[in-house]
Amino acid sequence: MNFESLLTITGNTTKESQNSIEDLRLNQILDAIAHHSKIDKNQLRKTLYERLTDRKDIAHRQNILRDLEKTDVFTAIERFSLGITKVFEFLNKSNKERFKITKQGWFLEAVSEYVSTVERVAIELSEEQLESEGLKNTVEYLKAYRNSQRFERLKEELKTAKSNLDSIQFTVNIKENKVFVNKVDGEKNLNIDIENLLSRFIEDDLENVELKLTQSPVLTNVEERIVEYVQKINPEPFQYMESFFETHQEFIDKGIRQFYEELDFYLAFLEFIEPLKNEGLSFCFPEIVEKGERIHCKDGFDLALALQLQKDKQRVITNDFYLDRGEKLFLISGPNQGGKTTFARMVGQIFYLALLGLKVPAKESSLFICDHIYTHFEKEEKVENKKGKLEDELLRAKKILNLATERSVIIINEIFSATALEDGYFLAEFLIKKILSKGAFCVFVTFMHRLAELDSSIVPMTSTVEPDNPAVRTFKIVRKSQFEKSYAIYLAQKYCLTYECLKERLKNR
């Protein structure tokens, strides 16, 4: 029986450009998720940078994540993950050991942990009411593997190896600077005497008391020599352990390993969002709709900004949006530093995370499957770049127009802001008309709010301010025409940069 992947059914994935990833600050989000990996951060990062293209795969991941959010299922899965992690830790210790018997001992511990972990998760998951086909298939695989001859043989030989070692008895006598190791030959077992002695001081209602001596996992030279002599006087258990070591080098089943590795994707994400949820932020499974149907988002937020504000104990502002049939483009304008760019990034992030099959930062949402997310954000000019800023912007915009389709998401932030107003308006009008003719969904952030009058499919949105104090931003973006006024005077007053303030300051110098 083959193990069926928890990550994909079709195997179809694609990548967004690095420019889009960075413009949307997705690199900060994806790297933060990968940081929670318990296995391989680079491998998890690779998975996060390859998003899905098929509705079946998105539903596959969403359903598995729903199951994992059930407390008992999560507990069983987390225990399995920790158990297999411990297996690899024991194997790593075995590989580093120079002393053969200790090397084989750590290997035996790894196999023992592996067997108990697999058996436990098979039993625990089979008792749960699972909804996802992914975990249901996994349970069937676990049952089949647990009942296989290979696993049964591993269990039996492990049991024999441990039983053989447990049966070894020997004495160690130290006389002056010499150590003598001998077989047990009628010597009294002092453990019984110690137990009898301690029992006088132990209350009757205490069930179990164990006396353990602290010992290092690394043997000293003297201890190694003692073990060597024990091996000489009891060769059979050690011969069996050596044979077990040689025979079962590949004891970890490929399907079990894949199960363990793919779970890391889900467990890391759940661990990543937990502290944000504890602060009251919402995450939801987006409904996947057809292109052209109504899309919406309630209480969405910029996840990269939320991570940044979390460090400063500040709360991120949430926003809503919706796009009805026939509407294609959000044209967002309003006062500077009002949250327009943050809103645009939020839309891109929500689309991307939805296409990873994960929960998105919102209370509820419905989205379509796009072929690509194209972005155009202002870039810092570089001395070595011989192109002017306008030429660079035009070339990047042309590339987007050449690649975009009706199934694309395009996010453009403050393009042509450095040109003369009329020139910028002419170029922006041309660009918007081209995007609309493509049929792509677009978020267009600009100070040229009258561009909203170009077409009925354009939805004007505005970043708002406090009604009684326009210098204070609310960071809320609403469906509304741009206020017909400038906010520069309020900023000038706030920072004492009006004509009167400057004249007074210069006078007092």
Protein backbone atom coordinates (compact mmCIF):
# COMPACT_ATOMS: atom_id res chain seq x y z
CA MET A 1 0.00 0.00 0.00
CA ASN A 2 1.36 3.42 -0.98
CA PHE A 3 1.20 6.44 1.30
CA GLU A 4 -1.02 9.19 -0.15
CA SER A 5 0.40 12.70 0.24
CA LEU A 6 -1.08 15.07 2.80
CA LEU A 7 0.06 18.05 0.72
CA THR A 8 -1.34 17.44 -2.75
CA ILE A 9 -3.57 15.18 -4.80
CA THR A 10 -2.70 16.41 -8.30
CA GLY A 11 0.90 17.44 -7.65
CA ASN A 12 0.32 20.76 -9.48
CA THR A 13 2.04 23.80 -7.99
CA THR A 14 3.44 27.09 -9.22
CA LYS A 15 5.62 29.92 -7.90
CA GLU A 16 5.13 33.66 -7.74
CA SER A 17 7.94 35.98 -8.74
CA GLN A 18 10.36 37.06 -6.06
CA ASN A 19 9.33 40.68 -6.72
CA SER A 20 5.71 39.87 -5.89
CA ILE A 21 6.73 37.91 -2.80
CA GLU A 22 8.80 40.82 -1.50
CA ASP A 23 6.34 43.57 -2.51
CA LEU A 24 3.61 41.83 -0.50
CA ARG A 25 6.04 41.07 2.36
CA LEU A 26 5.12 37.43 1.98
CA ASN A 27 8.78 36.53 2.47
CA GLN A 28 8.51 37.80 6.07
CA ILE A 29 5.35 35.75 6.67
CA LEU A 30 6.55 32.53 5.02
CA ASP A 31 9.93 32.67 6.74
CA ALA A 32 8.19 33.24 10.08
CA ILE A 33 6.06 30.11 9.49
CA ALA A 34 9.15 28.12 8.43
CA HIS A 35 10.86 29.18 11.66
CA HIS A 36 8.40 26.93 13.53
CA SER A 37 9.55 23.83 11.66
CA LYS A 38 10.65 20.98 13.93
CA ILE A 39 12.32 19.10 11.06
CA ASP A 40 13.87 21.13 8.24
CA LYS A 41 13.27 24.88 7.93
CA ASN A 42 14.66 24.98 4.39
CA GLN A 43 12.41 22.17 3.19
CA LEU A 44 9.35 23.80 4.75
CA ARG A 45 10.33 27.13 3.20
CA LYS A 46 10.49 25.39 -0.20
CA THR A 47 6.94 24.02 0.30
CA LEU A 48 5.63 27.45 1.35
CA TYR A 49 7.07 29.11 -1.75
CA GLU A 50 5.19 26.69 -4.04
CA ARG A 51 1.48 27.43 -3.99
CA LEU A 52 -1.40 25.35 -5.34
CA THR A 53 -3.30 25.76 -8.59
CA ASP A 54 -6.11 23.23 -8.24
CA ARG A 55 -9.32 23.45 -6.20
CA LYS A 56 -8.97 19.76 -5.16
CA ASP A 57 -5.56 20.38 -3.57
CA ILE A 58 -6.77 23.48 -1.72
CA ALA A 59 -9.77 21.56 -0.30
CA HIS A 60 -7.43 18.64 0.54
CA ARG A 61 -5.23 20.84 2.75
CA GLN A 62 -8.11 22.79 4.26
CA ASN A 63 -9.89 19.60 5.37
CA ILE A 64 -6.72 18.17 6.93
CA LEU A 65 -6.18 21.43 8.79
CA ARG A 66 -9.78 21.32 10.04
CA ASP A 67 -9.16 17.85 11.47
CA LEU A 68 -5.92 18.96 13.07
CA GLU A 69 -7.70 21.78 14.87
CA LYS A 70 -9.67 19.17 16.85
CA THR A 71 -7.96 18.88 20.23
CA ASP A 72 -7.67 15.09 20.41
CA VAL A 73 -6.48 14.76 16.81
CA PHE A 74 -3.90 17.49 17.31
CA THR A 75 -2.68 15.86 20.52
CA ALA A 76 -2.22 12.49 18.78
CA ILE A 77 -0.48 14.06 15.78
CA GLU A 78 1.79 16.25 17.91
CA ARG A 79 2.74 13.24 20.05
CA PHE A 80 3.55 11.29 16.89
CA SER A 81 5.70 14.14 15.57
CA LEU A 82 7.59 14.46 18.86
CA GLY A 83 8.09 10.68 18.98
CA ILE A 84 9.59 10.45 15.49
CA THR A 85 11.73 13.51 16.24
CA LYS A 86 13.10 11.60 19.23
CA VAL A 87 13.79 8.61 16.95
CA PHE A 88 16.00 10.77 14.75
CA GLU A 89 17.71 12.25 17.81
CA PHE A 90 18.60 8.72 19.01
CA LEU A 91 19.85 7.78 15.52
CA ASN A 92 21.98 10.90 15.45
CA LYS A 93 23.53 9.92 18.79
CA SER A 94 24.11 6.41 17.46
CA ASN A 95 25.89 7.75 14.37
CA LYS A 96 28.18 9.94 16.48
CA GLU A 97 29.20 7.17 18.89
CA ARG A 98 32.68 5.66 18.45
CA PHE A 99 32.09 2.81 20.91
CA LYS A 100 30.33 0.00 19.02
CA ILE A 101 28.12 -1.28 21.83
CA THR A 102 26.89 2.22 22.75
CA LYS A 103 26.24 2.91 19.06
CA GLN A 104 24.10 -0.21 18.88
CA GLY A 105 22.40 0.70 22.16
CA TRP A 106 21.24 4.09 20.89
CA PHE A 107 20.05 2.37 17.69
CA LEU A 108 17.99 -0.01 19.81
CA GLU A 109 16.45 2.96 21.64
CA ALA A 110 15.58 4.57 18.29
CA VAL A 111 13.79 1.44 17.07
CA SER A 112 11.98 1.07 20.39
CA GLU A 113 10.72 4.67 20.25
CA TYR A 114 9.72 4.21 16.60
CA VAL A 115 7.66 1.07 17.26
CA SER A 116 5.81 2.54 20.24
CA THR A 117 5.17 5.85 18.40
CA VAL A 118 3.73 4.16 15.29
CA GLU A 119 1.53 1.84 17.33
CA ARG A 120 0.24 4.65 19.51
CA VAL A 121 -0.69 7.01 16.64
CA ALA A 122 -2.36 4.18 14.70
CA ILE A 123 -4.60 3.42 17.69
CA GLU A 124 -5.31 7.04 18.63
CA LEU A 125 -6.20 8.23 15.12
CA SER A 126 -8.39 5.21 14.42
CA GLU A 127 -10.52 6.21 17.42
CA GLU A 128 -11.15 9.74 16.07
CA GLN A 129 -13.99 10.93 13.84
CA LEU A 130 -11.90 12.24 10.95
CA GLU A 131 -13.45 14.29 8.15
CA SER A 132 -10.53 14.72 5.74
CA GLU A 133 -9.75 12.08 3.14
CA GLY A 134 -6.08 12.84 3.70
CA LEU A 135 -6.04 11.69 7.35
CA LYS A 136 -8.54 8.88 6.69
CA ASN A 137 -6.16 7.48 4.07
CA THR A 138 -3.29 7.90 6.52
CA VAL A 139 -5.13 5.86 9.17
CA GLU A 140 -5.68 3.05 6.63
CA TYR A 141 -2.00 3.16 5.75
CA LEU A 142 -1.02 3.01 9.43
CA LYS A 143 -3.28 0.01 10.02
CA ALA A 144 -1.86 -1.84 7.01
CA TYR A 145 1.72 -1.06 7.97
CA ARG A 146 1.17 -2.00 11.61
CA ASN A 147 -0.17 -5.40 10.51
CA SER A 148 2.56 -5.99 7.91
CA GLN A 149 5.10 -8.80 8.25
CA ARG A 150 7.91 -6.28 8.13
CA PHE A 151 6.64 -4.36 11.16
CA GLU A 152 5.73 -7.53 13.06
CA ARG A 153 9.24 -8.89 12.48
CA LEU A 154 10.78 -5.62 13.65
CA LYS A 155 8.68 -5.71 16.83
CA GLU A 156 9.51 -9.33 17.62
CA GLU A 157 13.23 -8.96 17.05
CA LEU A 158 13.27 -5.74 19.09
CA LYS A 159 11.51 -7.54 21.92
CA THR A 160 14.04 -10.38 21.78
CA ALA A 161 17.01 -8.01 21.70
CA LYS A 162 15.78 -6.06 24.73
CA SER A 163 14.82 -9.23 26.62
CA ASN A 164 18.29 -10.69 26.02
CA LEU A 165 19.96 -7.56 27.37
CA ASP A 166 17.61 -7.40 30.37
CA SER A 167 18.54 -10.95 31.30
CA ILE A 168 22.24 -10.14 31.72
CA GLN A 169 23.47 -10.21 35.32
CA PHE A 170 27.02 -9.54 36.45
CA THR A 171 29.00 -8.34 39.41
CA VAL A 172 31.58 -5.59 39.60
CA ASN A 173 34.14 -5.78 42.40
CA ILE A 174 36.59 -2.97 43.01
CA LYS A 175 39.74 -3.72 44.91
CA GLU A 176 42.26 -0.95 45.27
CA ASN A 177 42.90 0.21 41.71
CA LYS A 178 41.50 -2.88 39.99
CA VAL A 179 38.01 -3.69 38.74
CA PHE A 180 36.80 -7.30 38.48
CA VAL A 181 33.78 -8.23 36.33
CA ASN A 182 32.22 -11.66 36.87
CA LYS A 183 29.04 -13.60 36.23
CA VAL A 184 26.51 -13.71 39.02
CA ASP A 185 27.25 -16.89 40.98
CA GLY A 186 24.90 -17.09 43.94
CA GLU A 187 25.51 -13.50 45.03
CA LYS A 188 22.69 -11.88 46.89
CA ASN A 189 20.60 -9.26 45.04
CA LEU A 190 21.13 -6.11 47.13
CA ASN A 191 18.21 -4.34 45.46
CA ILE A 192 15.79 -6.39 47.58
CA ASP A 193 17.57 -5.41 50.80
CA ILE A 194 17.53 -1.74 49.78
CA GLU A 195 13.81 -1.88 49.05
CA ASN A 196 13.11 -3.52 52.43
CA LEU A 197 15.19 -0.90 54.20
CA LEU A 198 13.48 2.04 52.52
CA SER A 199 10.02 0.55 53.04
CA ARG A 200 10.24 1.38 56.76
CA PHE A 201 10.21 5.09 55.91
CA ILE A 202 7.58 5.04 53.16
CA GLU A 203 3.90 5.59 53.86
CA ASP A 204 1.56 2.77 52.90
CA ASP A 205 -0.61 4.89 50.60
CA LEU A 206 2.30 5.65 48.27
CA GLU A 207 2.03 3.22 45.38
CA ASN A 208 5.40 3.36 43.61
CA VAL A 209 8.77 4.62 44.65
CA GLU A 210 11.77 4.32 42.36
CA LEU A 211 15.39 4.79 43.28
CA LYS A 212 17.35 6.01 40.27
CA LEU A 213 21.01 6.82 40.05
CA THR A 214 22.00 9.74 37.86
CA GLN A 215 24.07 8.56 34.93
CA SER A 216 25.61 10.13 31.87
CA PRO A 217 24.54 8.98 28.38
CA VAL A 218 28.24 8.90 27.50
CA LEU A 219 30.31 6.05 28.94
CA THR A 220 33.66 6.72 30.57
CA ASN A 221 36.70 4.66 29.57
CA VAL A 222 36.31 2.50 32.68
CA GLU A 223 32.62 1.90 31.96
CA GLU A 224 33.43 0.94 28.38
CA ARG A 225 35.97 -1.62 29.60
CA ILE A 226 33.40 -3.01 32.04
CA VAL A 227 30.88 -3.40 29.20
CA GLU A 228 33.52 -5.14 27.08
CA TYR A 229 34.11 -7.69 29.87
CA VAL A 230 30.36 -8.13 30.33
CA GLN A 231 30.18 -8.86 26.61
CA LYS A 232 32.90 -11.48 26.92
CA ILE A 233 31.12 -13.36 29.68
CA ASN A 234 27.66 -12.91 28.05
CA PRO A 235 28.35 -12.98 24.28
CA GLU A 236 24.93 -14.12 22.96
CA PRO A 237 22.82 -10.99 23.78
CA PHE A 238 25.46 -8.72 22.25
CA GLN A 239 25.77 -10.88 19.14
CA TYR A 240 22.00 -10.70 18.69
CA MET A 241 22.04 -6.91 19.16
CA GLU A 242 24.81 -6.57 16.56
CA SER A 243 22.83 -8.69 14.12
CA PHE A 244 19.72 -6.56 14.81
CA PHE A 245 21.75 -3.40 14.19
CA GLU A 246 23.06 -4.66 10.83
CA THR A 247 19.71 -6.06 9.66
CA HIS A 248 17.44 -3.09 10.41
CA GLN A 249 19.45 -0.07 9.27
CA GLU A 250 16.51 1.00 7.06
CA PHE A 251 13.82 0.35 9.66
CA ILE A 252 11.93 3.64 9.10
CA ASP A 253 9.14 3.07 6.60
CA LYS A 254 9.06 5.55 3.67
CA GLY A 255 5.38 6.26 4.20
CA ILE A 256 5.88 6.93 7.93
CA ARG A 257 8.74 9.29 7.11
CA GLN A 258 6.61 11.13 4.52
CA PHE A 259 3.73 11.37 7.02
CA TYR A 260 6.11 12.86 9.59
CA GLU A 261 7.68 15.33 7.14
CA GLU A 262 4.43 16.55 5.61
CA LEU A 263 2.81 17.09 9.00
CA ASP A 264 5.47 19.72 9.66
CA PHE A 265 3.72 22.03 7.17
CA TYR A 266 0.49 21.99 9.18
CA LEU A 267 1.96 21.95 12.69
CA ALA A 268 4.29 24.87 11.95
CA PHE A 269 1.42 26.97 10.60
CA LEU A 270 -0.83 26.21 13.58
CA GLU A 271 1.97 27.11 15.99
CA PHE A 272 2.63 30.31 13.99
CA ILE A 273 -0.95 31.63 14.19
CA GLU A 274 -1.65 30.58 17.79
CA PRO A 275 -0.24 33.71 19.52
CA LEU A 276 -2.03 35.96 17.01
CA LYS A 277 -5.33 34.19 17.67
CA ASN A 278 -4.74 34.60 21.40
CA GLU A 279 -4.61 38.36 20.81
CA GLY A 280 -8.07 38.27 19.25
CA LEU A 281 -7.14 38.21 15.54
CA SER A 282 -9.22 35.97 13.31
CA PHE A 283 -8.16 33.34 10.79
CA CYS A 284 -10.63 31.57 8.50
CA PHE A 285 -10.84 29.02 5.72
CA PRO A 286 -11.67 30.98 2.55
CA GLU A 287 -14.48 29.77 0.34
CA ILE A 288 -13.16 29.14 -3.17
CA VAL A 289 -15.51 30.58 -5.81
CA GLU A 290 -15.42 30.82 -9.60
CA LYS A 291 -13.83 33.81 -11.27
CA GLY A 292 -16.50 36.46 -11.85
CA GLU A 293 -18.50 35.52 -8.78
CA ARG A 294 -18.66 37.81 -5.76
CA ILE A 295 -15.48 37.87 -3.70
CA HIS A 296 -15.26 39.35 -0.24
CA CYS A 297 -13.27 39.60 2.96
CA LYS A 298 -14.35 40.60 6.46
CA ASP A 299 -11.91 41.86 9.09
CA GLY A 300 -8.85 41.14 6.98
CA PHE A 301 -5.42 42.39 8.00
CA ASP A 302 -1.82 42.65 6.83
CA LEU A 303 -0.21 39.62 8.49
CA ALA A 304 3.34 40.97 8.12
CA LEU A 305 2.30 44.19 9.86
CA ALA A 306 0.53 42.20 12.57
CA LEU A 307 3.77 40.33 13.29
CA GLN A 308 5.63 43.62 13.54
CA LEU A 309 3.04 45.27 15.78
CA GLN A 310 2.85 42.17 17.97
CA LYS A 311 6.42 42.81 19.11
CA ASP A 312 5.39 46.34 20.16
CA LYS A 313 2.19 45.11 21.87
CA GLN A 314 0.06 47.03 19.34
CA ARG A 315 -3.11 45.90 17.57
CA VAL A 316 -3.40 45.82 13.79
CA ILE A 317 -6.41 47.49 12.15
CA THR A 318 -8.71 45.20 10.16
CA ASN A 319 -10.52 46.05 6.90
CA ASP A 320 -13.29 44.68 4.71
CA PHE A 321 -13.69 44.50 0.95
CA TYR A 322 -16.04 42.97 -1.58
CA LEU A 323 -16.28 42.88 -5.34
CA ASP A 324 -19.65 42.16 -6.94
CA ARG A 325 -20.29 40.73 -10.40
CA GLY A 326 -19.16 43.15 -13.08
CA GLU A 327 -16.70 44.94 -10.77
CA LYS A 328 -13.03 44.40 -11.60
CA LEU A 329 -10.81 47.02 -10.02
CA PHE A 330 -10.39 48.72 -6.63
CA LEU A 331 -9.06 52.24 -7.07
CA ILE A 332 -7.75 53.30 -3.65
CA SER A 333 -6.89 56.89 -2.85
CA GLY A 334 -6.87 59.19 0.13
CA PRO A 335 -4.44 61.00 2.43
CA ASN A 336 -0.84 59.86 2.76
CA GLN A 337 0.05 57.34 5.46
CA GLY A 338 -3.59 56.30 5.68
CA GLY A 339 -3.09 52.55 5.19
CA LYS A 340 -3.59 52.30 1.41
CA THR A 341 -0.41 50.30 0.74
CA THR A 342 -1.09 48.08 3.76
CA PHE A 343 -4.57 47.34 2.39
CA ALA A 344 -3.12 46.43 -1.03
CA ARG A 345 -0.59 44.09 0.58
CA MET A 346 -3.34 42.51 2.68
CA VAL A 347 -5.33 41.58 -0.44
CA GLY A 348 -2.28 39.92 -2.02
CA GLN A 349 -1.39 38.06 1.16
CA ILE A 350 -4.91 36.68 1.57
CA PHE A 351 -4.96 35.40 -2.00
CA TYR A 352 -1.55 33.75 -1.60
CA LEU A 353 -2.27 32.04 1.73
CA ALA A 354 -5.61 30.81 0.37
CA LEU A 355 -3.69 29.23 -2.51
CA LEU A 356 -1.46 27.42 -0.01
CA GLY A 357 -4.59 25.76 1.35
CA LEU A 358 -4.12 27.53 4.68
CA LYS A 359 -6.34 29.76 6.79
CA VAL A 360 -6.18 33.43 5.86
CA PRO A 361 -5.99 36.49 8.16
CA ALA A 362 -9.68 37.41 8.18
CA LYS A 363 -12.95 36.54 9.91
CA GLU A 364 -14.46 35.29 6.64
CA SER A 365 -13.62 35.44 2.94
CA SER A 366 -14.38 34.10 -0.52
CA LEU A 367 -11.78 34.16 -3.31
CA PHE A 368 -11.13 32.71 -6.73
CA ILE A 369 -8.09 30.70 -7.84
CA CYS A 370 -5.81 33.06 -9.73
CA ASP A 371 -3.06 31.97 -12.12
CA HIS A 372 -0.57 34.51 -10.75
CA ILE A 373 -0.27 37.55 -8.50
CA TYR A 374 1.54 40.40 -10.24
CA THR A 375 2.72 43.44 -8.27
CA HIS A 376 4.14 46.85 -9.10
CA PHE A 377 5.43 48.71 -6.05
CA GLU A 378 7.79 51.66 -6.02
CA LYS A 379 11.44 50.57 -6.08
CA GLU A 380 14.38 52.44 -4.65
CA GLU A 381 16.50 53.86 -7.45
CA LYS A 382 19.94 52.30 -7.82
CA VAL A 383 22.98 54.17 -9.08
CA GLU A 384 24.00 51.28 -11.33
CA ASN A 385 20.58 51.27 -13.04
CA LYS A 386 20.98 53.49 -16.11
CA LYS A 387 17.22 53.64 -16.71
CA GLY A 388 15.28 56.57 -15.32
CA LYS A 389 12.52 55.94 -12.78
CA LEU A 390 9.72 56.49 -15.31
CA GLU A 391 11.30 54.19 -17.88
CA ASP A 392 11.78 51.50 -15.24
CA GLU A 393 8.14 51.79 -14.14
CA LEU A 394 6.89 51.58 -17.71
CA LEU A 395 8.97 48.49 -18.49
CA ARG A 396 7.74 46.72 -15.37
CA ALA A 397 4.14 47.65 -16.16
CA LYS A 398 4.54 46.39 -19.74
CA LYS A 399 5.84 43.06 -18.44
CA ILE A 400 2.75 42.67 -16.24
CA LEU A 401 0.42 43.47 -19.14
CA ASN A 402 2.18 40.92 -21.35
CA LEU A 403 1.86 38.15 -18.75
CA ALA A 404 -1.50 38.84 -17.09
CA THR A 405 -4.70 37.01 -18.00
CA GLU A 406 -8.33 37.32 -16.94
CA ARG A 407 -7.51 34.97 -14.05
CA SER A 408 -4.67 37.15 -12.71
CA VAL A 409 -4.51 39.37 -9.62
CA ILE A 410 -2.67 42.64 -10.22
CA ILE A 411 -1.63 44.96 -7.38
CA ILE A 412 -0.21 48.35 -8.34
CA ASN A 413 0.94 50.80 -5.71
CA GLU A 414 1.56 54.53 -6.41
CA ILE A 415 2.78 54.23 -9.99
CA PHE A 416 3.81 57.38 -11.95
CA SER A 417 3.84 59.46 -8.76
CA ALA A 418 7.11 61.13 -9.75
CA THR A 419 5.85 62.47 -13.11
CA ALA A 420 3.91 65.62 -13.87
CA LEU A 421 0.25 65.26 -12.90
CA GLU A 422 -1.17 65.32 -16.42
CA ASP A 423 1.48 62.94 -17.75
CA GLY A 424 0.92 60.60 -14.83
CA TYR A 425 -2.83 60.69 -15.36
CA PHE A 426 -2.46 59.94 -19.09
CA LEU A 427 -0.18 56.93 -18.40
CA ALA A 428 -2.31 55.62 -15.50
CA GLU A 429 -5.48 55.89 -17.62
CA PHE A 430 -3.83 53.89 -20.41
CA LEU A 431 -2.65 51.24 -17.92
CA ILE A 432 -6.05 50.87 -16.23
CA LYS A 433 -7.86 50.51 -19.56
CA LYS A 434 -5.43 47.76 -20.58
CA ILE A 435 -5.95 45.93 -17.29
CA LEU A 436 -9.74 46.17 -17.63
CA SER A 437 -9.56 44.82 -21.18
CA LYS A 438 -7.64 41.81 -19.81
CA GLY A 439 -10.42 41.12 -17.33
CA ALA A 440 -7.96 40.72 -14.44
CA PHE A 441 -8.79 41.67 -10.85
CA CYS A 442 -6.74 44.69 -9.82
CA VAL A 443 -6.00 46.78 -6.74
CA PHE A 444 -4.74 50.17 -7.92
CA VAL A 445 -3.39 52.58 -5.28
CA THR A 446 -3.03 56.15 -6.55
CA PHE A 447 -3.43 59.80 -5.57
CA MET A 448 -5.25 60.41 -8.91
CA HIS A 449 -8.73 59.68 -7.59
CA ARG A 450 -10.57 60.91 -10.70
CA LEU A 451 -9.37 57.75 -12.49
CA ALA A 452 -12.36 56.07 -10.81
CA GLU A 453 -14.60 57.79 -13.38
CA LEU A 454 -13.06 55.87 -16.30
CA ASP A 455 -15.32 52.80 -16.11
CA SER A 456 -18.33 51.49 -14.18
CA SER A 457 -16.33 48.35 -13.22
CA ILE A 458 -13.96 50.48 -11.12
CA VAL A 459 -14.76 50.59 -7.39
CA PRO A 460 -13.46 53.77 -5.68
CA MET A 461 -12.14 53.24 -2.15
CA THR A 462 -10.75 55.77 0.28
CA SER A 463 -8.54 55.73 3.35
CA THR A 464 -10.44 57.60 6.05
CA VAL A 465 -9.57 60.11 8.75
CA GLU A 466 -11.11 61.18 12.05
CA PRO A 467 -14.05 63.50 11.20
CA ASP A 468 -13.14 66.02 13.91
CA ASN A 469 -9.40 65.86 13.28
CA PRO A 470 -8.46 65.09 9.66
CA ALA A 471 -4.78 64.86 10.60
CA VAL A 472 -5.53 61.60 12.46
CA ARG A 473 -5.73 58.50 10.27
CA THR A 474 -8.18 55.69 11.07
CA PHE A 475 -6.40 53.24 8.70
CA LYS A 476 -9.85 52.10 7.57
CA ILE A 477 -10.37 51.74 3.81
CA VAL A 478 -13.99 52.09 2.68
CA ARG A 479 -15.95 52.01 -0.59
CA LYS A 480 -16.37 55.71 -1.10
CA SER A 481 -15.41 58.46 -3.52
CA GLN A 482 -12.33 60.48 -2.65
CA PHE A 483 -12.94 63.51 -0.48
CA GLU A 484 -12.63 66.61 -2.62
CA LYS A 485 -10.09 68.29 -0.39
CA SER A 486 -6.40 68.17 0.36
CA TYR A 487 -5.03 66.97 3.68
CA ALA A 488 -1.63 68.61 3.30
CA ILE A 489 -2.68 71.63 5.38
CA TYR A 490 -3.52 69.37 8.33
CA LEU A 491 -0.12 67.70 8.16
CA ALA A 492 1.56 71.10 7.92
CA GLN A 493 -0.32 72.30 10.99
CA LYS A 494 0.48 69.12 12.90
CA TYR A 495 4.23 69.48 12.33
CA CYS A 496 4.28 73.30 12.46
CA LEU A 497 5.20 73.72 8.80
CA THR A 498 2.58 76.30 7.75
CA TYR A 499 3.69 79.66 6.39
CA GLU A 500 2.90 81.40 9.67
CA CYS A 501 4.77 78.77 11.74
CA LEU A 502 7.84 78.86 9.53
CA LYS A 503 7.88 82.68 9.53
CA GLU A 504 7.66 82.75 13.31
CA ARG A 505 10.41 80.13 13.70
CA LEU A 506 12.76 81.98 11.34
CA LYS A 507 12.07 85.24 13.12
CA ASN A 508 13.12 83.76 16.46
CA ARG A 509 16.43 82.36 15.18
